[in-house]
Amino acid sequence: MSQNTYTVTGMTCAHCVASVSEEVGAIDGVTDVAVDLPTGAVTVTSAEPVDEARVRAAVEEAGYTLAG
C-alpha cells in the first residue's frame, strides 16, 4: 500500500472536495482519497505508488491546482 499527501489550492466548498475526490479517485489503483478542505491536504491511498503527474492532471481536470 502507498499513501501520499498533496496540497491542492483553490478549493472553497464541499463541491470542490467532491470534484477533486472523484477525479483523483478515478486514477487506476487509487483505493481512497481523503480531502481536508481547510488545509487543502489531499491524501491519496493506492495499491502501488501513483505518479504525481497523474495526480496533478486529475486535480487540474477538476479545476484546481496542485501546489508545488
Protein backbone atom coordinates (compact mmCIF):
# COMPACT_ATOMS: atom_id res chain seq x y z
CA MET A 1 0.00 0.00 0.00
CA SER A 2 1.17 3.51 -0.79
CA GLN A 3 -0.03 6.79 0.71
CA ASN A 4 0.93 10.32 -0.34
CA THR A 5 -0.38 13.71 0.71
CA TYR A 6 -0.54 16.66 -1.66
CA THR A 7 -1.71 20.25 -1.24
CA VAL A 8 -4.44 21.48 -3.56
CA THR A 9 -5.20 25.18 -3.90
CA GLY A 10 -8.46 26.80 -4.92
CA MET A 11 -10.92 24.56 -3.06
CA THR A 12 -13.55 26.53 -1.14
CA CYS A 13 -16.54 24.25 -0.55
CA ALA A 14 -17.88 20.71 -0.31
CA HIS A 15 -18.47 20.64 -4.07
CA CYS A 16 -14.75 21.33 -4.59
CA VAL A 17 -13.90 18.42 -2.30
CA ALA A 18 -16.27 16.13 -4.20
CA SER A 19 -14.83 17.14 -7.58
CA VAL A 20 -11.23 16.53 -6.52
CA SER A 21 -12.15 13.25 -4.81
CA GLU A 22 -13.97 12.00 -7.90
CA GLU A 23 -11.18 12.86 -10.37
CA VAL A 24 -8.30 11.59 -8.22
CA GLY A 25 -10.29 8.52 -7.20
CA ALA A 26 -10.67 7.60 -10.88
CA ILE A 27 -6.90 7.06 -11.25
CA ASP A 28 -6.11 3.35 -11.72
CA GLY A 29 -5.00 1.78 -8.46
CA VAL A 30 -6.30 4.50 -6.14
CA THR A 31 -8.27 2.95 -3.30
CA ASP A 32 -9.06 6.03 -1.18
CA VAL A 33 -8.94 9.82 -1.38
CA ALA A 34 -9.22 11.92 1.79
CA VAL A 35 -9.57 15.70 1.38
CA ASP A 36 -9.17 18.20 4.21
CA LEU A 37 -10.83 21.40 2.94
CA PRO A 38 -9.37 23.87 5.50
CA THR A 39 -5.76 22.89 4.75
CA GLY A 40 -6.14 21.75 1.15
CA ALA A 41 -4.46 18.44 2.04
CA VAL A 42 -5.37 15.57 -0.25
CA THR A 43 -4.21 12.13 0.90
CA VAL A 44 -4.17 9.50 -1.82
CA THR A 45 -4.05 5.82 -0.86
CA SER A 46 -3.27 3.28 -3.55
CA ALA A 47 -2.18 -0.31 -4.03
CA GLU A 48 1.01 0.84 -5.78
CA PRO A 49 2.70 4.27 -5.89
CA VAL A 50 0.88 6.71 -8.19
CA ASP A 51 2.90 9.07 -10.37
CA GLU A 52 2.49 12.68 -9.15
CA ALA A 53 1.90 13.80 -12.75
CA ARG A 54 -1.26 11.67 -12.85
CA VAL A 55 -2.49 13.20 -9.59
CA ARG A 56 -1.69 16.71 -10.90
CA ALA A 57 -3.60 16.03 -14.12
CA ALA A 58 -6.64 14.74 -12.20
CA VAL A 59 -6.63 17.78 -9.88
CA GLU A 60 -6.38 20.11 -12.88
CA GLU A 61 -9.22 18.23 -14.59
CA ALA A 62 -11.32 19.01 -11.51
CA GLY A 63 -10.43 22.70 -11.94
CA TYR A 64 -7.86 23.15 -9.18
CA THR A 65 -4.10 23.37 -8.77
CA LEU A 66 -1.65 21.01 -7.11
CA ALA A 67 0.75 23.16 -5.09
CA GLY A 68 4.47 22.75 -5.52
